[in-house]
PDB file of N, CA and C in Angstrom:
ATOM      1  N   MET A   1     224.020  73.850 120.829  1.00  0.00           N
ATOM      2  CA  MET A   1     223.009  73.549 119.752  1.00  0.00           C
ATOM      3  C   MET A   1     221.676  72.906 120.461  1.00  0.00           C
ATOM      4  N   GLN A   2     220.584  73.395 119.894  1.00  0.00           N
ATOM      5  CA  GLN A   2     219.387  72.712 120.369  1.00  0.00           C
ATOM      6  C   GLN A   2     218.752  72.111 119.028  1.00  0.00           C
ATOM      7  N   GLN A   3     218.244  70.990 119.115  1.00  0.00           N
ATOM      8  CA  GLN A   3     217.690  70.179 118.102  1.00  0.00           C
ATOM      9  C   GLN A   3     216.109  70.042 118.301  1.00  0.00           C
ATOM     10  N   VAL A   4     215.284  69.822 117.134  1.00  0.00           N
ATOM     11  CA  VAL A   4     213.909  69.497 117.269  1.00  0.00           C
ATOM     12  C   VAL A   4     213.786  68.270 116.284  1.00  0.00           C
ATOM     13  N   HIS A   5     212.954  67.256 116.582  1.00  0.00           N
ATOM     14  CA  HIS A   5     212.494  66.094 115.715  1.00  0.00           C
ATOM     15  C   HIS A   5     211.132  66.285 115.549  1.00  0.00           C
ATOM     16  N   SER A   6     210.681  66.038 114.230  1.00  0.00           N
ATOM     17  CA  SER A   6     209.237  66.058 113.953  1.00  0.00           C
ATOM     18  C   SER A   6     208.518  64.815 113.897  1.00  0.00           C
ATOM     19  N   GLY A   7     209.301  63.680 114.112  1.00  0.00           N
ATOM     20  CA  GLY A   7     208.595  62.509 114.096  1.00  0.00           C
ATOM     21  C   GLY A   7     208.661  61.783 112.518  1.00  0.00           C
ATOM     22  N   SER A   8     209.175  62.423 111.783  1.00  0.00           N
ATOM     23  CA  SER A   8     209.397  61.831 110.275  1.00  0.00           C
ATOM     24  C   SER A   8     210.216  60.482 110.344  1.00  0.00           C
ATOM     25  N   PRO A   9     209.658  59.513 109.780  1.00  0.00           N
ATOM     26  CA  PRO A   9     210.417  58.185 109.733  1.00  0.00           C
ATOM     27  C   PRO A   9     211.781  58.417 109.188  1.00  0.00           C
ATOM     28  N   PHE A  10     212.084  59.416 108.329  1.00  0.00           N
ATOM     29  CA  PHE A  10     213.234  59.540 107.840  1.00  0.00           C
ATOM     30  C   PHE A  10     214.509  60.094 108.842  1.00  0.00           C
ATOM     31  N   GLU A  11     214.055  60.862 109.690  1.00  0.00           N
ATOM     32  CA  GLU A  11     215.052  61.557 110.699  1.00  0.00           C
ATOM     33  C   GLU A  11     215.928  60.309 111.392  1.00  0.00           C
ATOM     34  N   ALA A  12     215.241  59.189 111.860  1.00  0.00           N
ATOM     35  CA  ALA A  12     216.108  58.345 112.585  1.00  0.00           C
ATOM     36  C   ALA A  12     216.916  57.375 111.590  1.00  0.00           C
ATOM     37  N   ARG A  13     216.098  57.083 110.604  1.00  0.00           N
ATOM     38  CA  ARG A  13     216.778  56.177 109.484  1.00  0.00           C
ATOM     39  C   ARG A  13     218.001  56.790 108.863  1.00  0.00           C
ATOM     40  N   TYR A  14     217.924  58.188 108.520  1.00  0.00           N
ATOM     41  CA  TYR A  14     218.983  58.737 107.841  1.00  0.00           C
ATOM     42  C   TYR A  14     219.818  59.563 108.722  1.00  0.00           C
ATOM     43  N   GLY A  15     219.622  59.809 110.181  1.00  0.00           N
ATOM     44  CA  GLY A  15     220.302  60.616 110.891  1.00  0.00           C
ATOM     45  C   GLY A  15     220.367  61.924 110.948  1.00  0.00           C
ATOM     46  N   PHE A  16     219.204  62.575 111.005  1.00  0.00           N
ATOM     47  CA  PHE A  16     219.051  64.162 110.889  1.00  0.00           C
ATOM     48  C   PHE A  16     218.051  64.558 111.678  1.00  0.00           C
ATOM     49  N   CYS A  17     218.007  65.684 112.098  1.00  0.00           N
ATOM     50  CA  CYS A  17     216.977  66.532 112.861  1.00  0.00           C
ATOM     51  C   CYS A  17     216.153  67.260 112.108  1.00  0.00           C
ATOM     52  N   ARG A  18     214.877  67.665 112.361  1.00  0.00           N
ATOM     53  CA  ARG A  18     214.150  68.369 111.524  1.00  0.00           C
ATOM     54  C   ARG A  18     214.599  70.058 111.466  1.00  0.00           C
ATOM     55  N   ALA A  19     214.993  70.277 112.639  1.00  0.00           N
ATOM     56  CA  ALA A  19     215.585  71.719 112.857  1.00  0.00           C
ATOM     57  C   ALA A  19     216.476  71.779 113.858  1.00  0.00           C
ATOM     58  N   LEU A  20     217.326  72.741 113.934  1.00  0.00           N
ATOM     59  CA  LEU A  20     218.365  73.213 114.845  1.00  0.00           C
ATOM     60  C   LEU A  20     218.551  74.557 115.008  1.00  0.00           C
ATOM     61  N   ARG A  21     219.008  74.952 116.331  1.00  0.00           N
ATOM     62  CA  ARG A  21     219.118  76.275 116.543  1.00  0.00           C
ATOM     63  C   ARG A  21     220.621  76.285 117.094  1.00  0.00           C
ATOM     64  N   ILE A  22     221.474  77.117 116.612  1.00  0.00           N
ATOM     65  CA  ILE A  22     222.659  77.626 116.944  1.00  0.00           C
ATOM     66  C   ILE A  22     222.885  78.996 117.099  1.00  0.00           C
ATOM     67  N   GLY A  23     222.877  79.670 118.369  1.00  0.00           N
ATOM     68  CA  GLY A  23     222.935  81.119 118.587  1.00  0.00           C
ATOM     69  C   GLY A  23     221.250  81.439 118.424  1.00  0.00           C
ATOM     70  N   ASP A  24     221.296  82.544 117.424  1.00  0.00           N
ATOM     71  CA  ASP A  24     219.933  82.988 117.156  1.00  0.00           C
ATOM     72  C   ASP A  24     219.528  82.313 115.593  1.00  0.00           C
ATOM     73  N   ARG A  25     220.417  81.583 115.080  1.00  0.00           N
ATOM     74  CA  ARG A  25     220.204  81.019 113.830  1.00  0.00           C
ATOM     75  C   ARG A  25     219.412  79.710 113.928  1.00  0.00           C
ATOM     76  N   LEU A  26     218.336  79.751 112.865  1.00  0.00           N
ATOM     77  CA  LEU A  26     217.453  78.638 113.062  1.00  0.00           C
ATOM     78  C   LEU A  26     217.435  78.031 111.562  1.00  0.00           C
ATOM     79  N   GLU A  27     217.726  76.619 111.454  1.00  0.00           N
ATOM     80  CA  GLU A  27     217.742  76.003 110.127  1.00  0.00           C
ATOM     81  C   GLU A  27     216.787  74.710 110.116  1.00  0.00           C
ATOM     82  N   VAL A  28     215.845  74.787 109.154  1.00  0.00           N
ATOM     83  CA  VAL A  28     214.951  73.740 109.042  1.00  0.00           C
ATOM     84  C   VAL A  28     215.259  72.711 107.743  1.00  0.00           C
ATOM     85  N   ALA A  29     215.508  71.577 107.987  1.00  0.00           N
ATOM     86  CA  ALA A  29     216.000  70.611 107.112  1.00  0.00           C
ATOM     87  C   ALA A  29     214.871  70.436 105.997  1.00  0.00           C
ATOM     88  N   GLY A  30     215.214  70.152 104.880  1.00  0.00           N
ATOM     89  CA  GLY A  30     214.042  69.772 103.725  1.00  0.00           C
ATOM     90  C   GLY A  30     212.915  68.925 104.504  1.00  0.00           C
ATOM     91  N   THR A  31     211.907  69.652 104.214  1.00  0.00           N
ATOM     92  CA  THR A  31     210.679  69.200 104.822  1.00  0.00           C
ATOM     93  C   THR A  31     209.630  68.708 103.844  1.00  0.00           C
ATOM     94  N   ALA A  32     209.313  67.631 103.893  1.00  0.00           N
ATOM     95  CA  ALA A  32     208.534  66.989 102.795  1.00  0.00           C
ATOM     96  C   ALA A  32     207.054  66.966 103.434  1.00  0.00           C
ATOM     97  N   PRO A  33     205.917  66.685 102.614  1.00  0.00           N
ATOM     98  CA  PRO A  33     204.693  66.703 103.079  1.00  0.00           C
ATOM     99  C   PRO A  33     204.087  65.551 103.877  1.00  0.00           C
ATOM    100  N   ILE A  34     204.975  64.997 104.746  1.00  0.00           N
ATOM    101  CA  ILE A  34     204.694  63.892 105.582  1.00  0.00           C
ATOM    102  C   ILE A  34     203.249  64.100 106.295  1.00  0.00           C
ATOM    103  N   PRO A  35     202.389  63.227 106.040  1.00  0.00           N
ATOM    104  CA  PRO A  35     200.929  63.530 106.778  1.00  0.00           C
ATOM    105  C   PRO A  35     200.971  63.346 108.142  1.00  0.00           C
ATOM    106  N   ALA A  36     200.011  64.011 108.890  1.00  0.00           N
ATOM    107  CA  ALA A  36     199.976  63.918 110.405  1.00  0.00           C
ATOM    108  C   ALA A  36     199.350  62.487 110.486  1.00  0.00           C
ATOM    109  N   PRO A  37     199.655  61.848 111.779  1.00  0.00           N
ATOM    110  CA  PRO A  37     199.143  60.412 111.943  1.00  0.00           C
ATOM    111  C   PRO A  37     197.705  60.378 111.678  1.00  0.00           C
ATOM    112  N   GLY A  38     197.162  59.358 110.958  1.00  0.00           N
ATOM    113  CA  GLY A  38     195.866  59.208 110.769  1.00  0.00           C
ATOM    114  C   GLY A  38     195.301  59.921 109.574  1.00  0.00           C
ATOM    115  N   LYS A  39     196.192  60.876 108.881  1.00  0.00           N
ATOM    116  CA  LYS A  39     195.842  61.784 107.844  1.00  0.00           C
ATOM    117  C   LYS A  39     196.394  60.948 106.526  1.00  0.00           C
ATOM    118  N   ALA A  40     195.709  61.584 105.352  1.00  0.00           N
ATOM    119  CA  ALA A  40     196.262  60.973 104.135  1.00  0.00           C
ATOM    120  C   ALA A  40     197.354  62.196 103.578  1.00  0.00           C
ATOM    121  N   LEU A  41     197.995  61.682 102.592  1.00  0.00           N
ATOM    122  CA  LEU A  41     198.867  62.727 101.992  1.00  0.00           C
ATOM    123  C   LEU A  41     198.092  63.686 101.047  1.00  0.00           C
ATOM    124  N   GLY A  42     198.344  64.915 100.982  1.00  0.00           N
ATOM    125  CA  GLY A  42     197.581  66.087 100.319  1.00  0.00           C
ATOM    126  C   GLY A  42     197.560  65.454  98.823  1.00  0.00           C
ATOM    127  N   ALA A  43     196.539  65.698  98.180  1.00  0.00           N
ATOM    128  CA  ALA A  43     196.465  65.091  96.750  1.00  0.00           C
ATOM    129  C   ALA A  43     197.023  66.276  95.913  1.00  0.00           C
ATOM    130  N   THR A  44     196.995  67.372  96.243  1.00  0.00           N
ATOM    131  CA  THR A  44     197.378  68.447  95.267  1.00  0.00           C
ATOM    132  C   THR A  44     198.718  69.186  95.811  1.00  0.00           C
ATOM    133  N   ALA A  45     199.437  69.887  95.006  1.00  0.00           N
ATOM    134  CA  ALA A  45     200.698  70.513  95.339  1.00  0.00           C
ATOM    135  C   ALA A  45     200.324  71.523  96.331  1.00  0.00           C
ATOM    136  N   TYR A  46     199.189  72.378  96.180  1.00  0.00           N
ATOM    137  CA  TYR A  46     198.830  73.185  97.077  1.00  0.00           C
ATOM    138  C   TYR A  46     198.745  72.677  98.674  1.00  0.00           C
ATOM    139  N   ASP A  47     198.145  71.732  98.767  1.00  0.00           N
ATOM    140  CA  ASP A  47     197.731  70.973 100.004  1.00  0.00           C
ATOM    141  C   ASP A  47     199.062  70.443 100.635  1.00  0.00           C
ATOM    142  N   GLN A  48     199.954  69.944  99.744  1.00  0.00           N
ATOM    143  CA  GLN A  48     201.347  69.396 100.133  1.00  0.00           C
ATOM    144  C   GLN A  48     202.170  70.467 100.552  1.00  0.00           C
ATOM    145  N   MET A  49     202.305  71.570  99.917  1.00  0.00           N
ATOM    146  CA  MET A  49     202.815  72.840 100.314  1.00  0.00           C
ATOM    147  C   MET A  49     202.570  73.333 101.737  1.00  0.00           C
ATOM    148  N   LEU A  50     201.114  73.339 101.930  1.00  0.00           N
ATOM    149  CA  LEU A  50     200.663  73.814 103.117  1.00  0.00           C
ATOM    150  C   LEU A  50     201.082  72.870 104.388  1.00  0.00           C
ATOM    151  N   ARG A  51     201.122  71.546 104.045  1.00  0.00           N
ATOM    152  CA  ARG A  51     201.783  70.616 105.027  1.00  0.00           C
ATOM    153  C   ARG A  51     203.147  70.834 105.261  1.00  0.00           C
ATOM    154  N   CYS A  52     203.929  71.016 104.263  1.00  0.00           N
ATOM    155  CA  CYS A  52     205.259  71.156 104.483  1.00  0.00           C
ATOM    156  C   CYS A  52     205.568  72.266 105.398  1.00  0.00           C
ATOM    157  N   GLY A  53     204.739  73.375 105.061  1.00  0.00           N
ATOM    158  CA  GLY A  53     205.052  74.822 105.834  1.00  0.00           C
ATOM    159  C   GLY A  53     204.499  74.587 107.243  1.00  0.00           C
ATOM    160  N   GLN A  54     203.424  73.860 107.500  1.00  0.00           N
ATOM    161  CA  GLN A  54     202.968  73.529 108.827  1.00  0.00           C
ATOM    162  C   GLN A  54     204.089  72.689 109.690  1.00  0.00           C
ATOM    163  N   ILE A  55     204.713  71.753 109.154  1.00  0.00           N
ATOM    164  CA  ILE A  55     205.869  70.960 109.831  1.00  0.00           C
ATOM    165  C   ILE A  55     206.868  71.853 110.026  1.00  0.00           C
ATOM    166  N   ALA A  56     207.357  72.832 109.180  1.00  0.00           N
ATOM    167  CA  ALA A  56     208.473  73.590 109.258  1.00  0.00           C
ATOM    168  C   ALA A  56     208.164  74.839 110.369  1.00  0.00           C
ATOM    169  N   GLN A  57     206.913  75.341 110.265  1.00  0.00           N
ATOM    170  CA  GLN A  57     206.523  76.267 111.306  1.00  0.00           C
ATOM    171  C   GLN A  57     206.361  75.658 112.810  1.00  0.00           C
ATOM    172  N   GLU A  58     206.024  74.543 112.958  1.00  0.00           N
ATOM    173  CA  GLU A  58     206.155  73.823 114.346  1.00  0.00           C
ATOM    174  C   GLU A  58     207.443  73.652 114.692  1.00  0.00           C
ATOM    175  N   ALA A  59     208.279  73.298 113.888  1.00  0.00           N
ATOM    176  CA  ALA A  59     209.759  73.071 114.150  1.00  0.00           C
ATOM    177  C   ALA A  59     210.457  74.465 114.636  1.00  0.00           C
ATOM    178  N   LEU A  60     210.046  75.534 113.815  1.00  0.00           N
ATOM    179  CA  LEU A  60     210.438  77.029 114.206  1.00  0.00           C
ATOM    180  C   LEU A  60     210.079  77.225 115.552  1.00  0.00           C
ATOM    181  N   ARG A  61     208.665  77.250 115.777  1.00  0.00           N
ATOM    182  CA  ARG A  61     208.155  77.496 117.130  1.00  0.00           C
ATOM    183  C   ARG A  61     208.864  76.705 118.244  1.00  0.00           C
ATOM    184  N   ALA A  62     209.304  75.528 118.125  1.00  0.00           N
ATOM    185  CA  ALA A  62     209.816  74.864 119.124  1.00  0.00           C
ATOM    186  C   ALA A  62     211.177  75.320 119.424  1.00  0.00           C
ATOM    187  N   LEU A  63     211.763  76.099 118.488  1.00  0.00           N
ATOM    188  CA  LEU A  63     213.074  76.771 118.736  1.00  0.00           C
ATOM    189  C   LEU A  63     212.935  78.217 118.937  1.00  0.00           C
ATOM    190  N   ALA A  64     211.946  78.738 119.304  1.00  0.00           N
ATOM    191  CA  ALA A  64     211.561  80.258 119.545  1.00  0.00           C
ATOM    192  C   ALA A  64     211.602  80.882 118.400  1.00  0.00           C
ATOM    193  N   GLY A  65     211.175  80.465 117.244  1.00  0.00           N
ATOM    194  CA  GLY A  65     211.020  81.108 116.029  1.00  0.00           C
ATOM    195  C   GLY A  65     209.629  81.277 115.667  1.00  0.00           C
ATOM    196  N   ASP A  66     209.327  81.981 114.559  1.00  0.00           N
ATOM    197  CA  ASP A  66     208.064  81.981 113.957  1.00  0.00           C
ATOM    198  C   ASP A  66     208.345  82.570 112.497  1.00  0.00           C
ATOM    199  N   SER A  67     207.198  82.571 111.778  1.00  0.00           N
ATOM    200  CA  SER A  67     207.136  82.941 110.314  1.00  0.00           C
ATOM    201  C   SER A  67     207.617  84.408 110.021  1.00  0.00           C
ATOM    202  N   ALA A  68     207.502  85.208 111.187  1.00  0.00           N
ATOM    203  CA  ALA A  68     207.877  86.614 110.879  1.00  0.00           C
ATOM    204  C   ALA A  68     209.397  86.668 110.882  1.00  0.00           C
ATOM    205  N   ARG A  69     209.971  85.662 111.279  1.00  0.00           N
ATOM    206  CA  ARG A  69     211.524  85.783 111.488  1.00  0.00           C
ATOM    207  C   ARG A  69     212.210  84.956 110.353  1.00  0.00           C
ATOM    208  N   VAL A  70     211.357  84.423 109.434  1.00  0.00           N
ATOM    209  CA  VAL A  70     212.052  83.567 108.425  1.00  0.00           C
ATOM    210  C   VAL A  70     212.749  84.493 107.387  1.00  0.00           C
ATOM    211  N   LEU A  71     213.862  84.130 107.038  1.00  0.00           N
ATOM    212  CA  LEU A  71     214.791  84.786 106.136  1.00  0.00           C
ATOM    213  C   LEU A  71     214.519  84.264 104.844  1.00  0.00           C
ATOM    214  N   ARG A  72     214.686  82.903 104.607  1.00  0.00           N
ATOM    215  CA  ARG A  72     214.706  82.441 103.307  1.00  0.00           C
ATOM    216  C   ARG A  72     213.903  81.150 103.329  1.00  0.00           C
ATOM    217  N   THR A  73     213.335  80.734 102.353  1.00  0.00           N
ATOM    218  CA  THR A  73     212.761  79.516 101.843  1.00  0.00           C
ATOM    219  C   THR A  73     213.340  78.945 100.592  1.00  0.00           C
ATOM    220  N   ARG A  74     213.560  77.682 100.483  1.00  0.00           N
ATOM    221  CA  ARG A  74     213.869  76.996  99.150  1.00  0.00           C
ATOM    222  C   ARG A  74     212.852  75.984  99.038  1.00  0.00           C
ATOM    223  N   MET A  75     212.051  76.074  97.824  1.00  0.00           N
ATOM    224  CA  MET A  75     211.039  74.965  97.473  1.00  0.00           C
ATOM    225  C   MET A  75     211.616  74.161  96.259  1.00  0.00           C
ATOM    226  N   PHE A  76     211.503  72.988  96.637  1.00  0.00           N
ATOM    227  CA  PHE A  76     211.996  71.935  95.454  1.00  0.00           C
ATOM    228  C   PHE A  76     210.599  71.307  94.897  1.00  0.00           C
ATOM    229  N   ILE A  77     210.315  71.472  93.716  1.00  0.00           N
ATOM    230  CA  ILE A  77     209.094  71.115  93.263  1.00  0.00           C
ATOM    231  C   ILE A  77     209.422  70.012  91.980  1.00  0.00           C
ATOM    232  N   THR A  78     208.445  69.018  91.644  1.00  0.00           N
ATOM    233  CA  THR A  78     208.610  68.159  90.712  1.00  0.00           C
ATOM    234  C   THR A  78     208.049  68.421  89.348  1.00  0.00           C
ATOM    235  N   ASP A  79     207.138  69.407  89.435  1.00  0.00           N
ATOM    236  CA  ASP A  79     206.479  69.793  88.139  1.00  0.00           C
ATOM    237  C   ASP A  79     206.123  71.331  88.107  1.00  0.00           C
ATOM    238  N   ALA A  80     206.703  72.093  87.096  1.00  0.00           N
ATOM    239  CA  ALA A  80     206.769  73.358  86.985  1.00  0.00           C
ATOM    240  C   ALA A  80     205.299  73.844  86.843  1.00  0.00           C
ATOM    241  N   THR A  81     204.487  73.105  86.509  1.00  0.00           N
ATOM    242  CA  THR A  81     202.932  73.521  86.399  1.00  0.00           C
ATOM    243  C   THR A  81     202.324  73.672  87.640  1.00  0.00           C
ATOM    244  N   ASP A  82     203.059  73.159  88.752  1.00  0.00           N
ATOM    245  CA  ASP A  82     202.330  73.397  90.031  1.00  0.00           C
ATOM    246  C   ASP A  82     202.968  74.497  90.809  1.00  0.00           C
ATOM    247  N   ALA A  83     203.792  75.357  90.082  1.00  0.00           N
ATOM    248  CA  ALA A  83     204.381  76.411  90.771  1.00  0.00           C
ATOM    249  C   ALA A  83     203.427  77.588  91.297  1.00  0.00           C
ATOM    250  N   ASP A  84     202.506  77.929  90.551  1.00  0.00           N
ATOM    251  CA  ASP A  84     201.500  78.878  91.064  1.00  0.00           C
ATOM    252  C   ASP A  84     200.717  78.316  92.169  1.00  0.00           C
ATOM    253  N   ASP A  85     200.377  77.068  92.325  1.00  0.00           N
ATOM    254  CA  ASP A  85     199.587  76.554  93.409  1.00  0.00           C
ATOM    255  C   ASP A  85     200.522  76.519  94.619  1.00  0.00           C
ATOM    256  N   ILE A  86     201.775  76.211  94.433  1.00  0.00           N
ATOM    257  CA  ILE A  86     202.852  76.098  95.610  1.00  0.00           C
ATOM    258  C   ILE A  86     203.005  77.664  96.067  1.00  0.00           C
ATOM    259  N   GLY A  87     203.232  78.399  95.037  1.00  0.00           N
ATOM    260  CA  GLY A  87     203.470  79.963  95.383  1.00  0.00           C
ATOM    261  C   GLY A  87     202.328  80.485  96.319  1.00  0.00           C
ATOM    262  N   ARG A  88     201.108  79.902  95.774  1.00  0.00           N
ATOM    263  CA  ARG A  88     199.920  80.560  96.653  1.00  0.00           C
ATOM    264  C   ARG A  88     199.999  80.133  97.886  1.00  0.00           C
ATOM    265  N   ALA A  89     200.250  78.815  98.209  1.00  0.00           N
ATOM    266  CA  ALA A  89     200.315  78.262  99.674  1.00  0.00           C
ATOM    267  C   ALA A  89     201.548  78.971 100.331  1.00  0.00           C
ATOM    268  N   HIS A  90     202.767  79.145  99.670  1.00  0.00           N
ATOM    269  CA  HIS A  90     203.697  79.869 100.395  1.00  0.00           C
ATOM    270  C   HIS A  90     203.218  81.212 100.749  1.00  0.00           C
ATOM    271  N   ARG A  91     202.452  81.905  99.968  1.00  0.00           N
ATOM    272  CA  ARG A  91     202.116  83.334 100.339  1.00  0.00           C
ATOM    273  C   ARG A  91     201.094  83.162 101.655  1.00  0.00           C
ATOM    274  N   GLU A  92     200.219  82.159 101.569  1.00  0.00           N
ATOM    275  CA  GLU A  92     199.331  81.941 102.701  1.00  0.00           C
ATOM    276  C   GLU A  92     200.175  81.661 104.041  1.00  0.00           C
ATOM    277  N   LEU A  93     201.188  80.902 103.814  1.00  0.00           N
ATOM    278  CA  LEU A  93     202.031  80.564 104.983  1.00  0.00           C
ATOM    279  C   LEU A  93     202.783  81.670 105.703  1.00  0.00           C
ATOM    280  N   PHE A  94     203.240  82.566 104.767  1.00  0.00           N
ATOM    281  CA  PHE A  94     204.262  83.542 105.268  1.00  0.00           C
ATOM    282  C   PHE A  94     203.604  84.973 105.258  1.00  0.00           C
ATOM    283  N   GLY A  95     202.366  85.097 104.567  1.00  0.00           N
ATOM    284  CA  GLY A  95     201.719  86.341 104.492  1.00  0.00           C
ATOM    285  C   GLY A  95     202.560  87.400 104.161  1.00  0.00           C
ATOM    286  N   ASP A  96     202.439  88.646 104.926  1.00  0.00           N
ATOM    287  CA  ASP A  96     203.199  89.858 104.447  1.00  0.00           C
ATOM    288  C   ASP A  96     204.702  89.734 104.915  1.00  0.00           C
ATOM    289  N   ASP A  97     205.149  88.861 105.577  1.00  0.00           N
ATOM    290  CA  ASP A  97     206.535  88.649 106.053  1.00  0.00           C
ATOM    291  C   ASP A  97     207.473  88.481 104.835  1.00  0.00           C
ATOM    292  N   GLN A  98     207.039  87.848 103.832  1.00  0.00           N
ATOM    293  CA  GLN A  98     207.612  87.713 102.561  1.00  0.00           C
ATOM    294  C   GLN A  98     209.210  87.550 102.634  1.00  0.00           C
ATOM    295  N   PRO A  99     209.635  86.156 103.070  1.00  0.00           N
ATOM    296  CA  PRO A  99     211.137  85.909 103.062  1.00  0.00           C
ATOM    297  C   PRO A  99     211.567  85.875 101.613  1.00  0.00           C
ATOM    298  N   VAL A 100     212.869  85.966 101.490  1.00  0.00           N
ATOM    299  CA  VAL A 100     213.471  85.752 100.144  1.00  0.00           C
ATOM    300  C   VAL A 100     213.123  84.200  99.877  1.00  0.00           C
ATOM    301  N   ALA A 101     212.939  83.872  98.639  1.00  0.00           N
ATOM    302  CA  ALA A 101     212.677  82.442  98.321  1.00  0.00           C
ATOM    303  C   ALA A 101     213.294  82.012  97.039  1.00  0.00           C
ATOM    304  N   THR A 102     213.323  80.820  96.864  1.00  0.00           N
ATOM    305  CA  THR A 102     213.758  80.023  95.578  1.00  0.00           C
ATOM    306  C   THR A 102     212.893  79.034  95.384  1.00  0.00           C
ATOM    307  N   MET A 103     212.576  78.688  94.219  1.00  0.00           N
ATOM    308  CA  MET A 103     211.676  77.587  93.693  1.00  0.00           C
ATOM    309  C   MET A 103     212.643  76.993  92.661  1.00  0.00           C
ATOM    310  N   VAL A 104     212.798  75.622  92.747  1.00  0.00           N
ATOM    311  CA  VAL A 104     213.697  74.879  91.837  1.00  0.00           C
ATOM    312  C   VAL A 104     212.809  73.747  91.462  1.00  0.00           C
ATOM    313  N   VAL A 105     212.865  73.357  90.059  1.00  0.00           N
ATOM    314  CA  VAL A 105     212.123  72.072  89.517  1.00  0.00           C
ATOM    315  C   VAL A 105     213.223  71.020  89.544  1.00  0.00           C
ATOM    316  N   VAL A 106     212.858  69.881  90.237  1.00  0.00           N
ATOM    317  CA  VAL A 106     213.805  68.924  90.429  1.00  0.00           C
ATOM    318  C   VAL A 106     213.287  67.701  89.674  1.00  0.00           C
ATOM    319  N   ALA A 107     214.032  66.678  89.347  1.00  0.00           N
ATOM    320  CA  ALA A 107     213.645  65.396  88.691  1.00  0.00           C
ATOM    321  C   ALA A 107     212.490  64.539  89.563  1.00  0.00           C
ATOM    322  N   ALA A 108     212.742  64.397  90.829  1.00  0.00           N
ATOM    323  CA  ALA A 108     212.098  63.630  91.740  1.00  0.00           C
ATOM    324  C   ALA A 108     212.525  64.111  93.300  1.00  0.00           C
ATOM    325  N   LEU A 109     211.521  63.788  94.118  1.00  0.00           N
ATOM    326  CA  LEU A 109     211.768  63.779  95.431  1.00  0.00           C
ATOM    327  C   LEU A 109     211.699  62.354  96.058  1.00  0.00           C
ATOM    328  N   LEU A 110     212.092  62.128  97.285  1.00  0.00           N
ATOM    329  CA  LEU A 110     212.320  60.804  97.708  1.00  0.00           C
ATOM    330  C   LEU A 110     211.095  59.852  97.623  1.00  0.00           C
ATOM    331  N   ASP A 111     210.035  60.419  97.930  1.00  0.00           N
ATOM    332  CA  ASP A 111     208.713  59.547  97.427  1.00  0.00           C
ATOM    333  C   ASP A 111     208.158  60.144  96.184  1.00  0.00           C
ATOM    334  N   PRO A 112     207.869  59.272  95.424  1.00  0.00           N
ATOM    335  CA  PRO A 112     207.347  59.717  94.040  1.00  0.00           C
ATOM    336  C   PRO A 112     206.013  60.428  93.970  1.00  0.00           C
ATOM    337  N   ALA A 113     205.212  60.375  95.145  1.00  0.00           N
ATOM    338  CA  ALA A 113     203.942  60.890  95.573  1.00  0.00           C
ATOM    339  C   ALA A 113     204.114  62.458  95.809  1.00  0.00           C
ATOM    340  N   TRP A 114     205.315  62.687  96.285  1.00  0.00           N
ATOM    341  CA  TRP A 114     205.587  64.185  96.857  1.00  0.00           C
ATOM    342  C   TRP A 114     205.704  65.057  95.666  1.00  0.00           C
ATOM    343  N   LYS A 115     205.081  66.165  95.741  1.00  0.00           N
ATOM    344  CA  LYS A 115     205.060  67.363  94.764  1.00  0.00           C
ATOM    345  C   LYS A 115     205.965  68.581  95.078  1.00  0.00           C
ATOM    346  N   VAL A 116     206.320  68.648  96.327  1.00  0.00           N
ATOM    347  CA  VAL A 116     207.120  69.732  97.056  1.00  0.00           C
ATOM    348  C   VAL A 116     207.749  69.230  98.342  1.00  0.00           C
ATOM    349  N   GLU A 117     208.844  69.977  98.471  1.00  0.00           N
ATOM    350  CA  GLU A 117     209.776  69.899  99.655  1.00  0.00           C
ATOM    351  C   GLU A 117     210.124  71.241  99.845  1.00  0.00           C
ATOM    352  N   ILE A 118     210.393  71.718 101.200  1.00  0.00           N
ATOM    353  CA  ILE A 118     210.721  72.946 101.700  1.00  0.00           C
ATOM    354  C   ILE A 118     211.745  73.075 102.532  1.00  0.00           C
ATOM    355  N   GLU A 119     212.818  73.984 102.556  1.00  0.00           N
ATOM    356  CA  GLU A 119     213.919  74.193 103.443  1.00  0.00           C
ATOM    357  C   GLU A 119     213.477  75.552 103.952  1.00  0.00           C
ATOM    358  N   VAL A 120     213.951  75.834 105.205  1.00  0.00           N
ATOM    359  CA  VAL A 120     213.758  77.243 105.872  1.00  0.00           C
ATOM    360  C   VAL A 120     214.795  77.665 106.653  1.00  0.00           C
ATOM    361  N   GLU A 121     215.199  78.894 106.461  1.00  0.00           N
ATOM    362  CA  GLU A 121     216.222  79.619 107.421  1.00  0.00           C
ATOM    363  C   GLU A 121     215.563  80.794 108.028  1.00  0.00           C
ATOM    364  N   ALA A 122     215.888  80.902 109.394  1.00  0.00           N
ATOM    365  CA  ALA A 122     215.062  81.917 110.142  1.00  0.00           C
ATOM    366  C   ALA A 122     216.157  82.325 111.341  1.00  0.00           C
ATOM    367  N   VAL A 123     215.735  83.407 112.037  1.00  0.00           N
ATOM    368  CA  VAL A 123     216.467  83.770 113.220  1.00  0.00           C
ATOM    369  C   VAL A 123     215.437  83.754 114.340  1.00  0.00           C
ATOM    370  N   ALA A 124     216.068  83.560 115.567  1.00  0.00           N
ATOM    371  CA  ALA A 124     215.095  83.440 116.817  1.00  0.00           C
ATOM    372  C   ALA A 124     214.675  84.798 117.073  1.00  0.00           C
ATOM    373  N   GLY A 125     213.360  84.871 117.794  1.00  0.00           N
ATOM    374  CA  GLY A 125     212.733  85.996 118.092  1.00  0.00           C
ATOM    375  C   GLY A 125     213.286  86.527 119.393  1.00  0.00           C
TER     376      GLY A 125
END
């Protein structure tokens, strides 16, 4: 098993890795829009979804995967009115590869400022 850590403060605190590879299977943990060092949290659901996708895609690349090999995404959103913006960002992140996807409205995420979190399942290239 190969593991990848993204530097999220929650990984060490809660005892998990960002992503792992077992055989050709790649699993990316729930990925929130944690800002890059020196950056601010995206103000919009669209910006936050792009950040979630960027973190997830970096983890996939570290495990010999890429967006073209994503099988499924799960998006957890806190406001149904953000669905179109989050969906637009999802489309930009995955383009014509179009994995199967689920979007679920939840009561809240760990940080009240987060509007979206994403999980990704893929296979290695």
